[in-house]
Amino acid sequence: MMALRKTSMLAVAVVLSASAFYLASGANPAWAQSGDELKAGQELVEVNCGKCHAVGAADASPHQAAPPFRKLSDSFPMDALEEAFSDGRIYSGHPDMPEFIATPEQVDAIIAYIASLQG
């Protein structure tokens, strides 16, 4: 079970990195969504992630080890993020990060919002 969780966490990191690269390439990702979905994703990350991560376009992460969401694409592919979160669990290997359970719609909104920040 622990090996599976570590593997999933690594997959999330890889997915985020690839996603950022995909967005930076100028491609039009299929998961780019409406303004309502982006707003929902923003609200979800502000409430659930903002205590540690920078979740906006220019803010600093309150937790030194938490990467700003706008820079996730520097390390993780966004196109793989949806698959990594397909079970509704969002977590990483960092010991301070809590596990977050999300519905498929919430995962879509979170991914769309994070993707919108990549530049």
PDB file of N, CA and C in Angstrom:
ATOM      1  N   MET A   1       0.828  -1.196   0.000  1.00  0.00           N
ATOM      2  CA  MET A   1       0.000   0.000   0.000  1.00  0.00           C
ATOM      3  C   MET A   1       0.871   1.258   0.000  1.00  0.00           C
ATOM      4  N   MET A   2       1.924   1.268   0.853  1.00  0.00           N
ATOM      5  CA  MET A   2       2.791   2.442   0.912  1.00  0.00           C
ATOM      6  C   MET A   2       3.532   2.624  -0.408  1.00  0.00           C
ATOM      7  N   ALA A   3       3.976   1.527  -1.030  1.00  0.00           N
ATOM      8  CA  ALA A   3       4.667   1.621  -2.314  1.00  0.00           C
ATOM      9  C   ALA A   3       3.744   2.173  -3.380  1.00  0.00           C
ATOM     10  N   LEU A   4       2.485   1.749  -3.358  1.00  0.00           N
ATOM     11  CA  LEU A   4       1.513   2.256  -4.314  1.00  0.00           C
ATOM     12  C   LEU A   4       1.301   3.751  -4.110  1.00  0.00           C
ATOM     13  N   ARG A   5       1.210   4.199  -2.868  1.00  0.00           N
ATOM     14  CA  ARG A   5       1.007   5.622  -2.580  1.00  0.00           C
ATOM     15  C   ARG A   5       2.212   6.432  -3.053  1.00  0.00           C
ATOM     16  N   LYS A   6       3.434   5.935  -2.810  1.00  0.00           N
ATOM     17  CA  LYS A   6       4.632   6.647  -3.264  1.00  0.00           C
ATOM     18  C   LYS A   6       4.659   6.709  -4.780  1.00  0.00           C
ATOM     19  N   THR A   7       4.264   5.623  -5.435  1.00  0.00           N
ATOM     20  CA  THR A   7       4.215   5.603  -6.884  1.00  0.00           C
ATOM     21  C   THR A   7       3.194   6.606  -7.393  1.00  0.00           C
ATOM     22  N   SER A   8       2.043   6.675  -6.750  1.00  0.00           N
ATOM     23  CA  SER A   8       1.014   7.629  -7.155  1.00  0.00           C
ATOM     24  C   SER A   8       1.485   9.061  -6.961  1.00  0.00           C
ATOM     25  N   MET A   9       2.193   9.316  -5.888  1.00  0.00           N
ATOM     26  CA  MET A   9       2.700  10.662  -5.628  1.00  0.00           C
ATOM     27  C   MET A   9       3.709  11.058  -6.689  1.00  0.00           C
ATOM     28  N   LEU A  10       4.563  10.123  -7.073  1.00  0.00           N
ATOM     29  CA  LEU A  10       5.534  10.390  -8.120  1.00  0.00           C
ATOM     30  C   LEU A  10       4.810  10.655  -9.427  1.00  0.00           C
ATOM     31  N   ALA A  11       3.766   9.901  -9.692  1.00  0.00           N
ATOM     32  CA  ALA A  11       2.986  10.091 -10.909  1.00  0.00           C
ATOM     33  C   ALA A  11       2.375  11.482 -10.949  1.00  0.00           C
ATOM     34  N   VAL A  12       1.894  11.966  -9.816  1.00  0.00           N
ATOM     35  CA  VAL A  12       1.322  13.309  -9.751  1.00  0.00           C
ATOM     36  C   VAL A  12       2.388  14.338 -10.104  1.00  0.00           C
ATOM     37  N   ALA A  13       3.558  14.188  -9.555  1.00  0.00           N
ATOM     38  CA  ALA A  13       4.645  15.124  -9.841  1.00  0.00           C
ATOM     39  C   ALA A  13       4.995  15.098 -11.322  1.00  0.00           C
ATOM     40  N   VAL A  14       5.079  13.919 -11.894  1.00  0.00           N
ATOM     41  CA  VAL A  14       5.406  13.792 -13.311  1.00  0.00           C
ATOM     42  C   VAL A  14       4.306  14.394 -14.171  1.00  0.00           C
ATOM     43  N   VAL A  15       3.078  14.170 -13.775  1.00  0.00           N
ATOM     44  CA  VAL A  15       1.946  14.690 -14.525  1.00  0.00           C
ATOM     45  C   VAL A  15       1.941  16.206 -14.518  1.00  0.00           C
ATOM     46  N   LEU A  16       2.158  16.789 -13.371  1.00  0.00           N
ATOM     47  CA  LEU A  16       2.164  18.245 -13.278  1.00  0.00           C
ATOM     48  C   LEU A  16       3.261  18.842 -14.147  1.00  0.00           C
ATOM     49  N   SER A  17       4.412  18.227 -14.163  1.00  0.00           N
ATOM     50  CA  SER A  17       5.527  18.715 -14.958  1.00  0.00           C
ATOM     51  C   SER A  17       5.210  18.657 -16.443  1.00  0.00           C
ATOM     52  N   ALA A  18       4.697  17.534 -16.880  1.00  0.00           N
ATOM     53  CA  ALA A  18       4.358  17.373 -18.286  1.00  0.00           C
ATOM     54  C   ALA A  18       3.259  18.331 -18.699  1.00  0.00           C
ATOM     55  N   SER A  19       2.328  18.558 -17.821  1.00  0.00           N
ATOM     56  CA  SER A  19       1.219  19.452 -18.129  1.00  0.00           C
ATOM     57  C   SER A  19       1.716  20.862 -18.369  1.00  0.00           C
ATOM     58  N   ALA A  20       2.627  21.310 -17.555  1.00  0.00           N
ATOM     59  CA  ALA A  20       3.170  22.647 -17.707  1.00  0.00           C
ATOM     60  C   ALA A  20       3.891  22.775 -19.038  1.00  0.00           C
ATOM     61  N   PHE A  21       4.647  21.759 -19.387  1.00  0.00           N
ATOM     62  CA  PHE A  21       5.367  21.760 -20.656  1.00  0.00           C
ATOM     63  C   PHE A  21       4.373  21.814 -21.805  1.00  0.00           C
ATOM     64  N   TYR A  22       3.306  21.055 -21.700  1.00  0.00           N
ATOM     65  CA  TYR A  22       2.271  21.012 -22.725  1.00  0.00           C
ATOM     66  C   TYR A  22       1.658  22.387 -22.915  1.00  0.00           C
ATOM     67  N   LEU A  23       1.353  23.058 -21.823  1.00  0.00           N
ATOM     68  CA  LEU A  23       0.770  24.397 -21.907  1.00  0.00           C
ATOM     69  C   LEU A  23       1.762  25.401 -22.477  1.00  0.00           C
ATOM     70  N   ALA A  24       3.014  25.299 -22.068  1.00  0.00           N
ATOM     71  CA  ALA A  24       4.029  26.225 -22.537  1.00  0.00           C
ATOM     72  C   ALA A  24       4.259  26.082 -24.033  1.00  0.00           C
ATOM     73  N   SER A  25       3.962  24.907 -24.575  1.00  0.00           N
ATOM     74  CA  SER A  25       4.177  24.659 -25.998  1.00  0.00           C
ATOM     75  C   SER A  25       3.134  25.363 -26.859  1.00  0.00           C
ATOM     76  N   GLY A  26       2.094  25.924 -26.236  1.00  0.00           N
ATOM     77  CA  GLY A  26       1.060  26.627 -26.991  1.00  0.00           C
ATOM     78  C   GLY A  26      -0.070  25.726 -27.450  1.00  0.00           C
ATOM     79  N   ALA A  27      -0.071  24.490 -27.033  1.00  0.00           N
ATOM     80  CA  ALA A  27      -1.132  23.565 -27.426  1.00  0.00           C
ATOM     81  C   ALA A  27      -2.440  23.970 -26.758  1.00  0.00           C
ATOM     82  N   ASN A  28      -3.536  23.570 -27.334  1.00  0.00           N
ATOM     83  CA  ASN A  28      -4.844  23.855 -26.774  1.00  0.00           C
ATOM     84  C   ASN A  28      -5.348  22.597 -26.089  1.00  0.00           C
ATOM     85  N   PRO A  29      -5.114  22.437 -24.784  1.00  0.00           N
ATOM     86  CA  PRO A  29      -5.472  21.200 -24.110  1.00  0.00           C
ATOM     87  C   PRO A  29      -6.973  20.965 -24.068  1.00  0.00           C
ATOM     88  N   ALA A  30      -7.362  19.702 -24.169  1.00  0.00           N
ATOM     89  CA  ALA A  30      -8.771  19.336 -24.155  1.00  0.00           C
ATOM     90  C   ALA A  30      -9.412  19.647 -22.815  1.00  0.00           C
ATOM     91  N   TRP A  31      -8.618  19.721 -21.736  1.00  0.00           N
ATOM     92  CA  TRP A  31      -9.192  19.933 -20.425  1.00  0.00           C
ATOM     93  C   TRP A  31      -9.307  21.395 -20.044  1.00  0.00           C
ATOM     94  N   ALA A  32      -8.972  22.314 -20.959  1.00  0.00           N
ATOM     95  CA  ALA A  32      -9.194  23.734 -20.670  1.00  0.00           C
ATOM     96  C   ALA A  32     -10.708  23.950 -20.626  1.00  0.00           C
ATOM     97  N   GLN A  33     -11.208  24.634 -19.604  1.00  0.00           N
ATOM     98  CA  GLN A  33     -12.646  24.672 -19.392  1.00  0.00           C
ATOM     99  C   GLN A  33     -13.196  26.088 -19.260  1.00  0.00           C
ATOM    100  N   SER A  34     -14.449  26.169 -18.911  1.00  0.00           N
ATOM    101  CA  SER A  34     -15.193  27.416 -18.827  1.00  0.00           C
ATOM    102  C   SER A  34     -14.752  28.285 -17.649  1.00  0.00           C
ATOM    103  N   GLY A  35     -15.204  29.528 -17.672  1.00  0.00           N
ATOM    104  CA  GLY A  35     -14.919  30.443 -16.577  1.00  0.00           C
ATOM    105  C   GLY A  35     -15.493  29.972 -15.253  1.00  0.00           C
ATOM    106  N   ASP A  36     -16.671  29.346 -15.285  1.00  0.00           N
ATOM    107  CA  ASP A  36     -17.277  28.827 -14.055  1.00  0.00           C
ATOM    108  C   ASP A  36     -16.417  27.718 -13.464  1.00  0.00           C
ATOM    109  N   GLU A  37     -15.904  26.849 -14.314  1.00  0.00           N
ATOM    110  CA  GLU A  37     -15.068  25.759 -13.828  1.00  0.00           C
ATOM    111  C   GLU A  37     -13.747  26.310 -13.270  1.00  0.00           C
ATOM    112  N   LEU A  38     -13.184  27.310 -13.941  1.00  0.00           N
ATOM    113  CA  LEU A  38     -11.953  27.926 -13.437  1.00  0.00           C
ATOM    114  C   LEU A  38     -12.179  28.567 -12.072  1.00  0.00           C
ATOM    115  N   LYS A  39     -13.301  29.247 -11.917  1.00  0.00           N
ATOM    116  CA  LYS A  39     -13.625  29.883 -10.634  1.00  0.00           C
ATOM    117  C   LYS A  39     -13.792  28.829  -9.545  1.00  0.00           C
ATOM    118  N   ALA A  40     -14.463  27.730  -9.878  1.00  0.00           N
ATOM    119  CA  ALA A  40     -14.646  26.645  -8.908  1.00  0.00           C
ATOM    120  C   ALA A  40     -13.298  26.052  -8.521  1.00  0.00           C
ATOM    121  N   GLY A  41     -12.425  25.855  -9.499  1.00  0.00           N
ATOM    122  CA  GLY A  41     -11.088  25.326  -9.216  1.00  0.00           C
ATOM    123  C   GLY A  41     -10.285  26.279  -8.353  1.00  0.00           C
ATOM    124  N   GLN A  42     -10.385  27.568  -8.648  1.00  0.00           N
ATOM    125  CA  GLN A  42      -9.683  28.572  -7.842  1.00  0.00           C
ATOM    126  C   GLN A  42     -10.163  28.523  -6.399  1.00  0.00           C
ATOM    127  N   GLU A  43     -11.458  28.462  -6.199  1.00  0.00           N
ATOM    128  CA  GLU A  43     -12.004  28.411  -4.843  1.00  0.00           C
ATOM    129  C   GLU A  43     -11.547  27.150  -4.111  1.00  0.00           C
ATOM    130  N   LEU A  44     -11.532  26.019  -4.810  1.00  0.00           N
ATOM    131  CA  LEU A  44     -11.094  24.768  -4.184  1.00  0.00           C
ATOM    132  C   LEU A  44      -9.638  24.833  -3.746  1.00  0.00           C
ATOM    133  N   VAL A  45      -8.763  25.357  -4.610  1.00  0.00           N
ATOM    134  CA  VAL A  45      -7.347  25.398  -4.231  1.00  0.00           C
ATOM    135  C   VAL A  45      -7.081  26.467  -3.179  1.00  0.00           C
ATOM    136  N   GLU A  46      -7.816  27.568  -3.215  1.00  0.00           N
ATOM    137  CA  GLU A  46      -7.640  28.585  -2.177  1.00  0.00           C
ATOM    138  C   GLU A  46      -7.968  28.016  -0.804  1.00  0.00           C
ATOM    139  N   VAL A  47      -9.076  27.278  -0.708  1.00  0.00           N
ATOM    140  CA  VAL A  47      -9.517  26.719   0.571  1.00  0.00           C
ATOM    141  C   VAL A  47      -8.656  25.534   1.010  1.00  0.00           C
ATOM    142  N   ASN A  48      -8.342  24.628   0.080  1.00  0.00           N
ATOM    143  CA  ASN A  48      -7.690  23.374   0.433  1.00  0.00           C
ATOM    144  C   ASN A  48      -6.174  23.376   0.286  1.00  0.00           C
ATOM    145  N   CYS A  49      -5.632  24.299  -0.479  1.00  0.00           N
ATOM    146  CA  CYS A  49      -4.199  24.269  -0.777  1.00  0.00           C
ATOM    147  C   CYS A  49      -3.464  25.556  -0.398  1.00  0.00           C
ATOM    148  N   GLY A  50      -4.226  26.655  -0.291  1.00  0.00           N
ATOM    149  CA  GLY A  50      -3.638  27.972  -0.100  1.00  0.00           C
ATOM    150  C   GLY A  50      -2.930  28.205   1.217  1.00  0.00           C
ATOM    151  N   LYS A  51      -3.138  27.330   2.204  1.00  0.00           N
ATOM    152  CA  LYS A  51      -2.423  27.492   3.473  1.00  0.00           C
ATOM    153  C   LYS A  51      -0.940  27.195   3.314  1.00  0.00           C
ATOM    154  N   CYS A  52      -0.599  26.443   2.284  1.00  0.00           N
ATOM    155  CA  CYS A  52       0.805  26.082   2.062  1.00  0.00           C
ATOM    156  C   CYS A  52       1.324  26.552   0.701  1.00  0.00           C
ATOM    157  N   HIS A  53       0.491  26.419  -0.336  1.00  0.00           N
ATOM    158  CA  HIS A  53       0.919  26.746  -1.703  1.00  0.00           C
ATOM    159  C   HIS A  53       0.487  28.141  -2.113  1.00  0.00           C
ATOM    160  N   ALA A  54       1.309  28.783  -2.948  1.00  0.00           N
ATOM    161  CA  ALA A  54       0.884  29.981  -3.648  1.00  0.00           C
ATOM    162  C   ALA A  54      -0.078  29.498  -4.726  1.00  0.00           C
ATOM    163  N   VAL A  55      -1.306  29.984  -4.711  1.00  0.00           N
ATOM    164  CA  VAL A  55      -2.309  29.487  -5.650  1.00  0.00           C
ATOM    165  C   VAL A  55      -2.737  30.547  -6.661  1.00  0.00           C
ATOM    166  N   GLY A  56      -2.113  31.709  -6.608  1.00  0.00           N
ATOM    167  CA  GLY A  56      -2.445  32.787  -7.529  1.00  0.00           C
ATOM    168  C   GLY A  56      -1.336  33.039  -8.530  1.00  0.00           C
ATOM    169  N   ALA A  57      -1.500  34.115  -9.264  1.00  0.00           N
ATOM    170  CA  ALA A  57      -0.560  34.445 -10.336  1.00  0.00           C
ATOM    171  C   ALA A  57       0.752  35.041  -9.831  1.00  0.00           C
ATOM    172  N   ALA A  58       0.776  35.591  -8.623  1.00  0.00           N
ATOM    173  CA  ALA A  58       1.995  36.263  -8.178  1.00  0.00           C
ATOM    174  C   ALA A  58       2.299  36.120  -6.692  1.00  0.00           C
ATOM    175  N   ASP A  59       1.509  35.345  -5.948  1.00  0.00           N
ATOM    176  CA  ASP A  59       1.721  35.239  -4.505  1.00  0.00           C
ATOM    177  C   ASP A  59       2.867  34.285  -4.167  1.00  0.00           C
ATOM    178  N   ALA A  60       3.316  34.342  -2.927  1.00  0.00           N
ATOM    179  CA  ALA A  60       4.382  33.456  -2.442  1.00  0.00           C
ATOM    180  C   ALA A  60       3.754  32.319  -1.643  1.00  0.00           C
ATOM    181  N   SER A  61       4.379  31.157  -1.685  1.00  0.00           N
ATOM    182  CA  SER A  61       3.888  30.019  -0.914  1.00  0.00           C
ATOM    183  C   SER A  61       4.150  30.247   0.563  1.00  0.00           C
ATOM    184  N   PRO A  62       3.123  30.130   1.421  1.00  0.00           N
ATOM    185  CA  PRO A  62       3.323  30.274   2.860  1.00  0.00           C
ATOM    186  C   PRO A  62       4.250  29.203   3.445  1.00  0.00           C
ATOM    187  N   HIS A  63       4.255  28.021   2.855  1.00  0.00           N
ATOM    188  CA  HIS A  63       5.131  26.930   3.295  1.00  0.00           C
ATOM    189  C   HIS A  63       6.313  26.890   2.335  1.00  0.00           C
ATOM    190  N   GLN A  64       7.499  27.042   2.853  1.00  0.00           N
ATOM    191  CA  GLN A  64       8.696  27.153   2.027  1.00  0.00           C
ATOM    192  C   GLN A  64       8.870  25.979   1.056  1.00  0.00           C
ATOM    193  N   ALA A  65       8.494  24.779   1.453  1.00  0.00           N
ATOM    194  CA  ALA A  65       8.679  23.600   0.606  1.00  0.00           C
ATOM    195  C   ALA A  65       7.545  23.380  -0.395  1.00  0.00           C
ATOM    196  N   ALA A  66       6.482  24.168  -0.313  1.00  0.00           N
ATOM    197  CA  ALA A  66       5.329  23.984  -1.198  1.00  0.00           C
ATOM    198  C   ALA A  66       5.516  24.819  -2.467  1.00  0.00           C
ATOM    199  N   PRO A  67       5.574  24.171  -3.620  1.00  0.00           N
ATOM    200  CA  PRO A  67       5.775  24.934  -4.861  1.00  0.00           C
ATOM    201  C   PRO A  67       4.556  25.780  -5.211  1.00  0.00           C
ATOM    202  N   PRO A  68       4.789  26.969  -5.779  1.00  0.00           N
ATOM    203  CA  PRO A  68       3.664  27.776  -6.265  1.00  0.00           C
ATOM    204  C   PRO A  68       2.971  27.027  -7.407  1.00  0.00           C
ATOM    205  N   PHE A  69       1.661  27.051  -7.431  1.00  0.00           N
ATOM    206  CA  PHE A  69       0.926  26.337  -8.471  1.00  0.00           C
ATOM    207  C   PHE A  69       1.259  26.858  -9.864  1.00  0.00           C
ATOM    208  N   ARG A  70       1.565  28.149  -9.994  1.00  0.00           N
ATOM    209  CA  ARG A  70       1.863  28.705 -11.309  1.00  0.00           C
ATOM    210  C   ARG A  70       3.177  28.172 -11.878  1.00  0.00           C
ATOM    211  N   LYS A  71       3.993  27.524 -11.039  1.00  0.00           N
ATOM    212  CA  LYS A  71       5.276  26.986 -11.493  1.00  0.00           C
ATOM    213  C   LYS A  71       5.285  25.460 -11.549  1.00  0.00           C
ATOM    214  N   LEU A  72       4.140  24.830 -11.336  1.00  0.00           N
ATOM    215  CA  LEU A  72       4.088  23.372 -11.359  1.00  0.00           C
ATOM    216  C   LEU A  72       4.527  22.809 -12.696  1.00  0.00           C
ATOM    217  N   SER A  73       4.245  23.536 -13.759  1.00  0.00           N
ATOM    218  CA  SER A  73       4.612  23.036 -15.077  1.00  0.00           C
ATOM    219  C   SER A  73       6.123  22.997 -15.277  1.00  0.00           C
ATOM    220  N   ASP A  74       6.867  23.672 -14.424  1.00  0.00           N
ATOM    221  CA  ASP A  74       8.327  23.590 -14.498  1.00  0.00           C
ATOM    222  C   ASP A  74       8.810  22.192 -14.119  1.00  0.00           C
ATOM    223  N   SER A  75       7.999  21.471 -13.359  1.00  0.00           N
ATOM    224  CA  SER A  75       8.398  20.167 -12.849  1.00  0.00           C
ATOM    225  C   SER A  75       7.460  19.023 -13.200  1.00  0.00           C
ATOM    226  N   PHE A  76       6.204  19.323 -13.578  1.00  0.00           N
ATOM    227  CA  PHE A  76       5.200  18.276 -13.762  1.00  0.00           C
ATOM    228  C   PHE A  76       4.383  18.499 -15.036  1.00  0.00           C
ATOM    229  N   PRO A  77       4.065  17.427 -15.765  1.00  0.00           N
ATOM    230  CA  PRO A  77       3.228  17.551 -16.966  1.00  0.00           C
ATOM    231  C   PRO A  77       1.739  17.633 -16.615  1.00  0.00           C
ATOM    232  N   MET A  78       1.073  18.669 -17.047  1.00  0.00           N
ATOM    233  CA  MET A  78      -0.341  18.856 -16.747  1.00  0.00           C
ATOM    234  C   MET A  78      -1.219  17.820 -17.447  1.00  0.00           C
ATOM    235  N   ASP A  79      -0.818  17.352 -18.604  1.00  0.00           N
ATOM    236  CA  ASP A  79      -1.660  16.403 -19.339  1.00  0.00           C
ATOM    237  C   ASP A  79      -1.783  15.061 -18.636  1.00  0.00           C
ATOM    238  N   ALA A  80      -0.890  14.759 -17.725  1.00  0.00           N
ATOM    239  CA  ALA A  80      -0.957  13.499 -16.981  1.00  0.00           C
ATOM    240  C   ALA A  80      -1.652  13.676 -15.627  1.00  0.00           C
ATOM    241  N   LEU A  81      -1.911  14.910 -15.247  1.00  0.00           N
ATOM    242  CA  LEU A  81      -2.507  15.196 -13.936  1.00  0.00           C
ATOM    243  C   LEU A  81      -3.886  14.574 -13.776  1.00  0.00           C
ATOM    244  N   GLU A  82      -4.697  14.678 -14.804  1.00  0.00           N
ATOM    245  CA  GLU A  82      -6.054  14.135 -14.713  1.00  0.00           C
ATOM    246  C   GLU A  82      -6.024  12.638 -14.437  1.00  0.00           C
ATOM    247  N   GLU A  83      -5.151  11.927 -15.111  1.00  0.00           N
ATOM    248  CA  GLU A  83      -5.049  10.483 -14.884  1.00  0.00           C
ATOM    249  C   GLU A  83      -4.565  10.185 -13.471  1.00  0.00           C
ATOM    250  N   ALA A  84      -3.596  10.954 -12.995  1.00  0.00           N
ATOM    251  CA  ALA A  84      -3.059  10.725 -11.652  1.00  0.00           C
ATOM    252  C   ALA A  84      -4.115  10.961 -10.579  1.00  0.00           C
ATOM    253  N   PHE A  85      -5.024  11.889 -10.812  1.00  0.00           N
ATOM    254  CA  PHE A  85      -6.064  12.209  -9.848  1.00  0.00           C
ATOM    255  C   PHE A  85      -7.373  11.479 -10.130  1.00  0.00           C
ATOM    256  N   SER A  86      -7.363  10.548 -11.066  1.00  0.00           N
ATOM    257  CA  SER A  86      -8.605   9.904 -11.495  1.00  0.00           C
ATOM    258  C   SER A  86      -9.319   9.162 -10.366  1.00  0.00           C
ATOM    259  N   ASP A  87      -8.586   8.781  -9.329  1.00  0.00           N
ATOM    260  CA  ASP A  87      -9.232   8.097  -8.202  1.00  0.00           C
ATOM    261  C   ASP A  87      -9.801   9.081  -7.187  1.00  0.00           C
ATOM    262  N   GLY A  88      -9.684  10.401  -7.471  1.00  0.00           N
ATOM    263  CA  GLY A  88     -10.238  11.413  -6.584  1.00  0.00           C
ATOM    264  C   GLY A  88      -9.335  11.784  -5.428  1.00  0.00           C
ATOM    265  N   ARG A  89      -8.124  11.230  -5.395  1.00  0.00           N
ATOM    266  CA  ARG A  89      -7.193  11.519  -4.303  1.00  0.00           C
ATOM    267  C   ARG A  89      -6.087  12.429  -4.812  1.00  0.00           C
ATOM    268  N   ILE A  90      -5.861  13.487  -4.075  1.00  0.00           N
ATOM    269  CA  ILE A  90      -4.798  14.417  -4.411  1.00  0.00           C
ATOM    270  C   ILE A  90      -3.847  14.436  -3.230  1.00  0.00           C
ATOM    271  N   TYR A  91      -2.651  13.958  -3.440  1.00  0.00           N
ATOM    272  CA  TYR A  91      -1.660  13.903  -2.373  1.00  0.00           C
ATOM    273  C   TYR A  91      -0.266  13.901  -2.972  1.00  0.00           C
ATOM    274  N   SER A  92       0.720  14.120  -2.139  1.00  0.00           N
ATOM    275  CA  SER A  92       2.113  14.081  -2.591  1.00  0.00           C
ATOM    276  C   SER A  92       2.933  13.340  -1.560  1.00  0.00           C
ATOM    277  N   GLY A  93       4.207  13.210  -1.841  1.00  0.00           N
ATOM    278  CA  GLY A  93       5.094  12.513  -0.923  1.00  0.00           C
ATOM    279  C   GLY A  93       5.562  13.368   0.232  1.00  0.00           C
ATOM    280  N   HIS A  94       5.232  14.638   0.215  1.00  0.00           N
ATOM    281  CA  HIS A  94       5.686  15.514   1.286  1.00  0.00           C
ATOM    282  C   HIS A  94       4.920  15.190   2.567  1.00  0.00           C
ATOM    283  N   PRO A  95       5.614  15.007   3.694  1.00  0.00           N
ATOM    284  CA  PRO A  95       4.939  14.591   4.930  1.00  0.00           C
ATOM    285  C   PRO A  95       3.949  15.614   5.490  1.00  0.00           C
ATOM    286  N   ASP A  96       4.101  16.879   5.150  1.00  0.00           N
ATOM    287  CA  ASP A  96       3.200  17.916   5.659  1.00  0.00           C
ATOM    288  C   ASP A  96       1.901  18.023   4.866  1.00  0.00           C
ATOM    289  N   MET A  97       1.869  17.441   3.671  1.00  0.00           N
ATOM    290  CA  MET A  97       0.705  17.630   2.815  1.00  0.00           C
ATOM    291  C   MET A  97      -0.386  16.617   3.141  1.00  0.00           C
ATOM    292  N   PRO A  98      -1.565  17.128   3.485  1.00  0.00           N
ATOM    293  CA  PRO A  98      -2.685  16.211   3.766  1.00  0.00           C
ATOM    294  C   PRO A  98      -3.236  15.635   2.469  1.00  0.00           C
ATOM    295  N   GLU A  99      -3.890  14.501   2.587  1.00  0.00           N
ATOM    296  CA  GLU A  99      -4.576  13.909   1.443  1.00  0.00           C
ATOM    297  C   GLU A  99      -5.890  14.651   1.265  1.00  0.00           C
ATOM    298  N   PHE A 100      -6.236  14.934   0.037  1.00  0.00           N
ATOM    299  CA  PHE A 100      -7.465  15.654  -0.295  1.00  0.00           C
ATOM    300  C   PHE A 100      -8.276  14.759  -1.228  1.00  0.00           C
ATOM    301  N   ILE A 101      -9.509  14.456  -0.867  1.00  0.00           N
ATOM    302  CA  ILE A 101     -10.396  13.639  -1.689  1.00  0.00           C
ATOM    303  C   ILE A 101     -11.330  14.573  -2.448  1.00  0.00           C
ATOM    304  N   ALA A 102     -11.415  14.385  -3.758  1.00  0.00           N
ATOM    305  CA  ALA A 102     -12.218  15.264  -4.597  1.00  0.00           C
ATOM    306  C   ALA A 102     -13.123  14.451  -5.517  1.00  0.00           C
ATOM    307  N   THR A 103     -14.240  15.049  -5.893  1.00  0.00           N
ATOM    308  CA  THR A 103     -15.124  14.441  -6.879  1.00  0.00           C
ATOM    309  C   THR A 103     -14.482  14.604  -8.256  1.00  0.00           C
ATOM    310  N   PRO A 104     -14.916  13.845  -9.248  1.00  0.00           N
ATOM    311  CA  PRO A 104     -14.376  14.031 -10.600  1.00  0.00           C
ATOM    312  C   PRO A 104     -14.544  15.468 -11.107  1.00  0.00           C
ATOM    313  N   GLU A 105     -15.664  16.096 -10.794  1.00  0.00           N
ATOM    314  CA  GLU A 105     -15.892  17.478 -11.221  1.00  0.00           C
ATOM    315  C   GLU A 105     -14.915  18.427 -10.529  1.00  0.00           C
ATOM    316  N   GLN A 106     -14.642  18.189  -9.242  1.00  0.00           N
ATOM    317  CA  GLN A 106     -13.679  19.023  -8.525  1.00  0.00           C
ATOM    318  C   GLN A 106     -12.280  18.836  -9.091  1.00  0.00           C
ATOM    319  N   VAL A 107     -11.911  17.594  -9.397  1.00  0.00           N
ATOM    320  CA  VAL A 107     -10.601  17.332  -9.990  1.00  0.00           C
ATOM    321  C   VAL A 107     -10.482  18.075 -11.313  1.00  0.00           C
ATOM    322  N   ASP A 108     -11.510  18.013 -12.151  1.00  0.00           N
ATOM    323  CA  ASP A 108     -11.493  18.729 -13.430  1.00  0.00           C
ATOM    324  C   ASP A 108     -11.318  20.228 -13.219  1.00  0.00           C
ATOM    325  N   ALA A 109     -12.032  20.772 -12.239  1.00  0.00           N
ATOM    326  CA  ALA A 109     -11.942  22.214 -11.968  1.00  0.00           C
ATOM    327  C   ALA A 109     -10.558  22.596 -11.445  1.00  0.00           C
ATOM    328  N   ILE A 110     -10.006  21.787 -10.567  1.00  0.00           N
ATOM    329  CA  ILE A 110      -8.667  22.050 -10.032  1.00  0.00           C
ATOM    330  C   ILE A 110      -7.632  22.006 -11.147  1.00  0.00           C
ATOM    331  N   ILE A 111      -7.700  20.990 -11.985  1.00  0.00           N
ATOM    332  CA  ILE A 111      -6.754  20.870 -13.094  1.00  0.00           C
ATOM    333  C   ILE A 111      -6.879  22.054 -14.044  1.00  0.00           C
ATOM    334  N   ALA A 112      -8.113  22.421 -14.376  1.00  0.00           N
ATOM    335  CA  ALA A 112      -8.320  23.560 -15.277  1.00  0.00           C
ATOM    336  C   ALA A 112      -7.749  24.835 -14.670  1.00  0.00           C
ATOM    337  N   TYR A 113      -7.950  25.047 -13.376  1.00  0.00           N
ATOM    338  CA  TYR A 113      -7.435  26.254 -12.740  1.00  0.00           C
ATOM    339  C   TYR A 113      -5.902  26.250 -12.723  1.00  0.00           C
ATOM    340  N   ILE A 114      -5.312  25.135 -12.298  1.00  0.00           N
ATOM    341  CA  ILE A 114      -3.847  25.067 -12.260  1.00  0.00           C
ATOM    342  C   ILE A 114      -3.270  25.267 -13.669  1.00  0.00           C
ATOM    343  N   ALA A 115      -3.898  24.661 -14.660  1.00  0.00           N
ATOM    344  CA  ALA A 115      -3.443  24.822 -16.046  1.00  0.00           C
ATOM    345  C   ALA A 115      -3.513  26.286 -16.482  1.00  0.00           C
ATOM    346  N   SER A 116      -4.540  27.007 -16.014  1.00  0.00           N
ATOM    347  CA  SER A 116      -4.694  28.412 -16.415  1.00  0.00           C
ATOM    348  C   SER A 116      -3.579  29.295 -15.846  1.00  0.00           C
ATOM    349  N   LEU A 117      -2.932  28.854 -14.794  1.00  0.00           N
ATOM    350  CA  LEU A 117      -1.856  29.630 -14.174  1.00  0.00           C
ATOM    351  C   LEU A 117      -0.509  29.445 -14.862  1.00  0.00           C
ATOM    352  N   GLN A 118      -0.357  28.370 -15.608  1.00  0.00           N
ATOM    353  CA  GLN A 118       0.935  28.052 -16.200  1.00  0.00           C
ATOM    354  C   GLN A 118       1.239  29.059 -17.311  1.00  0.00           C
ATOM    355  N   GLY A 119       2.485  29.480 -17.366  1.00  0.00           N
ATOM    356  CA  GLY A 119       2.786  30.462 -18.385  1.00  0.00           C
ATOM    357  C   GLY A 119       4.110  30.430 -18.905  1.00  0.00           C
TER     358      GLY A 119
END
